[in-house]
Amino acid sequence: MPRHHIDRGVIVTKVFVNLPTSDLERAKAFYTALGCEISPQFTDENAACIVWSDDIYFMVLKREFFATFTDKPIADPHEVAQVSVAFSRDSREEVDAILEKGLAAGGAEPKPAQDYGFMYSRDLDDPDGNSLGFLYMTPEAVENGPDHVADHAASA
């Protein structure tokens, strides 16, 4: 699998996010419930390659195996937030739909939805406590930034 490719003149890098899990089969079931696929050629008894898109992958690794890649202690994601990965969706309804799938598959919503007018977001913790965010941003905010949307709304 190539490390990057060029799309419309921009170099696109493949992103691999490594996450610890205490239960590999549970993690695989959770992420496939969200609509992800498992890449069998990069999955074994210690890790699973979760395919989000052609360029974004999660390597979900058993905690013991994850620990072989670093000398640092492995944090318990139920207790410590080290990173939160966020994914855009095409509508508020898509944000709500993926949250419902995640909650039904054993995830937890750590706080209420956040609605800023130009952006709607919800957080989802996987069963291991790893934090995921899903958000929808209006096309105007994507194009011009949130300040422009707020300025335009105030002048209307």
C-alpha atoms as a PDB file:
ATOM      1  CA  MET A   1       0.000   0.000   0.000  1.00  0.00           C
ATOM      2  CA  PRO A   2       1.593   3.317  -1.046  1.00  0.00           C
ATOM      3  CA  ARG A   3       2.328   5.855   1.702  1.00  0.00           C
ATOM      4  CA  HIS A   4       0.819   8.712  -0.270  1.00  0.00           C
ATOM      5  CA  HIS A   5      -0.625   9.685  -3.625  1.00  0.00           C
ATOM      6  CA  ILE A   6      -1.397  12.887  -5.478  1.00  0.00           C
ATOM      7  CA  ASP A   7      -5.037  13.992  -5.741  1.00  0.00           C
ATOM      8  CA  ARG A   8      -5.803  17.259  -7.608  1.00  0.00           C
ATOM      9  CA  GLY A   9      -2.211  18.383  -7.177  1.00  0.00           C
ATOM     10  CA  VAL A  10      -2.163  17.758  -3.396  1.00  0.00           C
ATOM     11  CA  ILE A  11      -0.092  15.008  -1.799  1.00  0.00           C
ATOM     12  CA  VAL A  12      -2.446  12.824   0.211  1.00  0.00           C
ATOM     13  CA  THR A  13      -0.815  10.882   3.030  1.00  0.00           C
ATOM     14  CA  LYS A  14      -2.310   7.718   4.439  1.00  0.00           C
ATOM     15  CA  VAL A  15      -3.052   8.087   8.159  1.00  0.00           C
ATOM     16  CA  PHE A  16      -2.693   5.211  10.628  1.00  0.00           C
ATOM     17  CA  VAL A  17      -3.990   5.780  14.152  1.00  0.00           C
ATOM     18  CA  ASN A  18      -2.885   3.175  16.700  1.00  0.00           C
ATOM     19  CA  LEU A  19      -5.307   2.425  19.544  1.00  0.00           C
ATOM     20  CA  PRO A  20      -4.969   0.001  22.445  1.00  0.00           C
ATOM     21  CA  THR A  21      -7.728  -2.487  23.210  1.00  0.00           C
ATOM     22  CA  SER A  22      -8.334  -4.954  25.997  1.00  0.00           C
ATOM     23  CA  ASP A  23     -10.600  -7.062  23.747  1.00  0.00           C
ATOM     24  CA  LEU A  24      -9.657  -7.299  20.075  1.00  0.00           C
ATOM     25  CA  GLU A  25     -12.804  -9.123  18.953  1.00  0.00           C
ATOM     26  CA  ARG A  26     -15.036  -6.578  20.723  1.00  0.00           C
ATOM     27  CA  ALA A  27     -13.112  -3.718  19.090  1.00  0.00           C
ATOM     28  CA  LYS A  28     -13.478  -5.295  15.636  1.00  0.00           C
ATOM     29  CA  ALA A  29     -17.230  -5.745  16.186  1.00  0.00           C
ATOM     30  CA  PHE A  30     -17.584  -2.128  17.346  1.00  0.00           C
ATOM     31  CA  TYR A  31     -15.783  -0.592  14.375  1.00  0.00           C
ATOM     32  CA  THR A  32     -17.521  -2.793  11.812  1.00  0.00           C
ATOM     33  CA  ALA A  33     -20.846  -1.732  13.392  1.00  0.00           C
ATOM     34  CA  LEU A  34     -19.847   1.863  12.541  1.00  0.00           C
ATOM     35  CA  GLY A  35     -19.475   0.829   8.899  1.00  0.00           C
ATOM     36  CA  CYS A  36     -15.723   0.238   8.788  1.00  0.00           C
ATOM     37  CA  GLU A  37     -14.103  -2.759   7.165  1.00  0.00           C
ATOM     38  CA  ILE A  38     -11.324  -4.986   8.516  1.00  0.00           C
ATOM     39  CA  SER A  39      -8.259  -5.389   6.284  1.00  0.00           C
ATOM     40  CA  PRO A  40      -7.471  -9.112   6.623  1.00  0.00           C
ATOM     41  CA  GLN A  41      -3.909  -8.833   5.292  1.00  0.00           C
ATOM     42  CA  PHE A  42      -2.981  -6.532   8.222  1.00  0.00           C
ATOM     43  CA  THR A  43      -5.004  -8.327  10.903  1.00  0.00           C
ATOM     44  CA  ASP A  44      -3.875 -11.156  13.165  1.00  0.00           C
ATOM     45  CA  GLU A  45      -4.292 -12.339  16.757  1.00  0.00           C
ATOM     46  CA  ASN A  46      -2.588  -9.177  18.099  1.00  0.00           C
ATOM     47  CA  ALA A  47      -4.033  -6.402  15.942  1.00  0.00           C
ATOM     48  CA  ALA A  48      -6.740  -5.471  13.477  1.00  0.00           C
ATOM     49  CA  CYS A  49      -6.521  -2.946  10.674  1.00  0.00           C
ATOM     50  CA  ILE A  50      -9.740  -0.921  10.653  1.00  0.00           C
ATOM     51  CA  VAL A  51     -10.372   0.761   7.282  1.00  0.00           C
ATOM     52  CA  TRP A  52     -12.165   4.122   7.535  1.00  0.00           C
ATOM     53  CA  SER A  53     -11.397   5.192   3.971  1.00  0.00           C
ATOM     54  CA  ASP A  54      -8.765   4.738   1.283  1.00  0.00           C
ATOM     55  CA  ASP A  55      -6.453   6.992   3.297  1.00  0.00           C
ATOM     56  CA  ILE A  56      -7.422   6.533   6.980  1.00  0.00           C
ATOM     57  CA  TYR A  57      -6.835   3.394   9.038  1.00  0.00           C
ATOM     58  CA  PHE A  58      -6.979   2.471  12.712  1.00  0.00           C
ATOM     59  CA  MET A  59      -4.640  -0.185  13.973  1.00  0.00           C
ATOM     60  CA  VAL A  60      -6.425  -1.575  17.020  1.00  0.00           C
ATOM     61  CA  LEU A  61      -3.811  -3.450  19.010  1.00  0.00           C
ATOM     62  CA  LYS A  62      -4.030  -5.624  22.092  1.00  0.00           C
ATOM     63  CA  ARG A  63      -2.634  -3.594  24.986  1.00  0.00           C
ATOM     64  CA  GLU A  64       0.298  -5.991  25.481  1.00  0.00           C
ATOM     65  CA  PHE A  65       1.223  -5.789  21.802  1.00  0.00           C
ATOM     66  CA  PHE A  66       0.725  -2.013  21.724  1.00  0.00           C
ATOM     67  CA  ALA A  67       3.230  -1.762  24.612  1.00  0.00           C
ATOM     68  CA  THR A  68       5.973  -3.345  22.465  1.00  0.00           C
ATOM     69  CA  PHE A  69       6.062  -0.187  20.295  1.00  0.00           C
ATOM     70  CA  THR A  70       6.995   2.213  23.096  1.00  0.00           C
ATOM     71  CA  ASP A  71       8.870   2.448  26.384  1.00  0.00           C
ATOM     72  CA  LYS A  72       6.221   4.840  27.724  1.00  0.00           C
ATOM     73  CA  PRO A  73       3.369   3.593  29.898  1.00  0.00           C
ATOM     74  CA  ILE A  74       0.141   2.849  28.027  1.00  0.00           C
ATOM     75  CA  ALA A  75      -2.638   5.078  29.330  1.00  0.00           C
ATOM     76  CA  ASP A  76      -6.060   3.709  30.162  1.00  0.00           C
ATOM     77  CA  PRO A  77      -8.373   5.589  27.762  1.00  0.00           C
ATOM     78  CA  HIS A  78     -11.211   5.221  30.293  1.00  0.00           C
ATOM     79  CA  GLU A  79      -9.181   7.422  32.668  1.00  0.00           C
ATOM     80  CA  VAL A  80      -6.952   9.630  30.507  1.00  0.00           C
ATOM     81  CA  ALA A  81      -7.669  11.427  27.230  1.00  0.00           C
ATOM     82  CA  GLN A  82      -4.522  11.619  25.158  1.00  0.00           C
ATOM     83  CA  VAL A  83      -6.081  12.100  21.749  1.00  0.00           C
ATOM     84  CA  SER A  84      -9.494  12.455  20.172  1.00  0.00           C
ATOM     85  CA  VAL A  85      -9.889  11.698  16.495  1.00  0.00           C
ATOM     86  CA  ALA A  86     -12.694  13.538  14.689  1.00  0.00           C
ATOM     87  CA  PHE A  87     -14.415  12.630  11.430  1.00  0.00           C
ATOM     88  CA  SER A  88     -16.566  14.894   9.304  1.00  0.00           C
ATOM     89  CA  ARG A  89     -19.980  13.765   8.103  1.00  0.00           C
ATOM     90  CA  ASP A  90     -22.127  15.211   5.309  1.00  0.00           C
ATOM     91  CA  SER A  91     -25.092  16.138   7.531  1.00  0.00           C
ATOM     92  CA  ARG A  92     -26.318  16.403  11.109  1.00  0.00           C
ATOM     93  CA  GLU A  93     -28.397  13.296  10.433  1.00  0.00           C
ATOM     94  CA  GLU A  94     -25.252  11.349   9.492  1.00  0.00           C
ATOM     95  CA  VAL A  95     -23.618  12.456  12.749  1.00  0.00           C
ATOM     96  CA  ASP A  96     -26.645  11.227  14.708  1.00  0.00           C
ATOM     97  CA  ALA A  97     -26.828   7.976  12.712  1.00  0.00           C
ATOM     98  CA  ILE A  98     -23.210   6.964  13.347  1.00  0.00           C
ATOM     99  CA  LEU A  99     -23.579   7.809  17.040  1.00  0.00           C
ATOM    100  CA  GLU A 100     -26.639   5.578  17.259  1.00  0.00           C
ATOM    101  CA  LYS A 101     -24.703   2.721  15.620  1.00  0.00           C
ATOM    102  CA  GLY A 102     -21.800   3.231  18.013  1.00  0.00           C
ATOM    103  CA  LEU A 103     -24.014   3.378  21.092  1.00  0.00           C
ATOM    104  CA  ALA A 104     -25.831   0.212  20.002  1.00  0.00           C
ATOM    105  CA  ALA A 105     -22.445  -1.513  19.559  1.00  0.00           C
ATOM    106  CA  GLY A 106     -21.283  -0.771  23.122  1.00  0.00           C
ATOM    107  CA  GLY A 107     -19.899   2.747  22.811  1.00  0.00           C
ATOM    108  CA  ALA A 108     -20.690   5.618  25.168  1.00  0.00           C
ATOM    109  CA  GLU A 109     -21.478   9.278  24.601  1.00  0.00           C
ATOM    110  CA  PRO A 110     -19.384  11.132  27.207  1.00  0.00           C
ATOM    111  CA  LYS A 111     -21.150  14.483  26.859  1.00  0.00           C
ATOM    112  CA  PRO A 112     -24.166  16.011  25.121  1.00  0.00           C
ATOM    113  CA  ALA A 113     -24.119  17.060  21.484  1.00  0.00           C
ATOM    114  CA  GLN A 114     -22.607  20.464  20.770  1.00  0.00           C
ATOM    115  CA  ASP A 115     -24.459  22.762  18.371  1.00  0.00           C
ATOM    116  CA  TYR A 116     -22.691  25.966  17.377  1.00  0.00           C
ATOM    117  CA  GLY A 117     -25.023  26.781  14.491  1.00  0.00           C
ATOM    118  CA  PHE A 118     -22.299  26.462  11.858  1.00  0.00           C
ATOM    119  CA  MET A 119     -21.054  23.170  13.349  1.00  0.00           C
ATOM    120  CA  TYR A 120     -22.771  20.235  15.026  1.00  0.00           C
ATOM    121  CA  SER A 121     -20.677  17.609  16.807  1.00  0.00           C
ATOM    122  CA  ARG A 122     -21.057  14.579  19.007  1.00  0.00           C
ATOM    123  CA  ASP A 123     -18.449  12.507  20.804  1.00  0.00           C
ATOM    124  CA  LEU A 124     -18.347   8.726  21.026  1.00  0.00           C
ATOM    125  CA  ASP A 125     -16.069   6.630  23.208  1.00  0.00           C
ATOM    126  CA  ASP A 126     -15.404   3.129  21.932  1.00  0.00           C
ATOM    127  CA  PRO A 127     -15.741   0.270  24.458  1.00  0.00           C
ATOM    128  CA  ASP A 128     -12.071   0.748  25.435  1.00  0.00           C
ATOM    129  CA  GLY A 129     -12.612   4.461  26.124  1.00  0.00           C
ATOM    130  CA  ASN A 130     -10.831   5.754  22.994  1.00  0.00           C
ATOM    131  CA  SER A 131     -12.433   9.056  21.972  1.00  0.00           C
ATOM    132  CA  LEU A 132     -13.967   9.621  18.543  1.00  0.00           C
ATOM    133  CA  GLY A 133     -15.704  12.759  17.371  1.00  0.00           C
ATOM    134  CA  PHE A 134     -18.156  13.153  14.520  1.00  0.00           C
ATOM    135  CA  LEU A 135     -19.072  16.555  13.154  1.00  0.00           C
ATOM    136  CA  TYR A 136     -21.003  18.332  10.470  1.00  0.00           C
ATOM    137  CA  MET A 137     -19.986  21.826   9.421  1.00  0.00           C
ATOM    138  CA  THR A 138     -22.094  23.994   7.127  1.00  0.00           C
ATOM    139  CA  PRO A 139     -20.644  24.524   3.637  1.00  0.00           C
ATOM    140  CA  GLU A 140     -20.450  28.279   4.357  1.00  0.00           C
ATOM    141  CA  ALA A 141     -18.269  27.670   7.413  1.00  0.00           C
ATOM    142  CA  VAL A 142     -16.065  25.217   5.522  1.00  0.00           C
ATOM    143  CA  GLU A 143     -15.594  27.721   2.692  1.00  0.00           C
ATOM    144  CA  ASN A 144     -15.271  30.954   4.683  1.00  0.00           C
ATOM    145  CA  GLY A 145     -14.571  30.020   8.305  1.00  0.00           C
ATOM    146  CA  PRO A 146     -16.819  30.187  11.359  1.00  0.00           C
ATOM    147  CA  ASP A 147     -16.280  33.922  11.948  1.00  0.00           C
ATOM    148  CA  HIS A 148     -17.714  34.726   8.500  1.00  0.00           C
ATOM    149  CA  VAL A 149     -20.809  32.632   9.255  1.00  0.00           C
ATOM    150  CA  ALA A 150     -21.289  34.391  12.602  1.00  0.00           C
ATOM    151  CA  ASP A 151     -20.755  37.824  10.996  1.00  0.00           C
ATOM    152  CA  HIS A 152     -23.222  37.023   8.201  1.00  0.00           C
ATOM    153  CA  ALA A 153     -25.846  35.741  10.676  1.00  0.00           C
ATOM    154  CA  ALA A 154     -25.469  38.857  12.848  1.00  0.00           C
ATOM    155  CA  SER A 155     -25.929  41.203   9.876  1.00  0.00           C
ATOM    156  CA  ALA A 156     -29.038  39.377   8.609  1.00  0.00           C
END
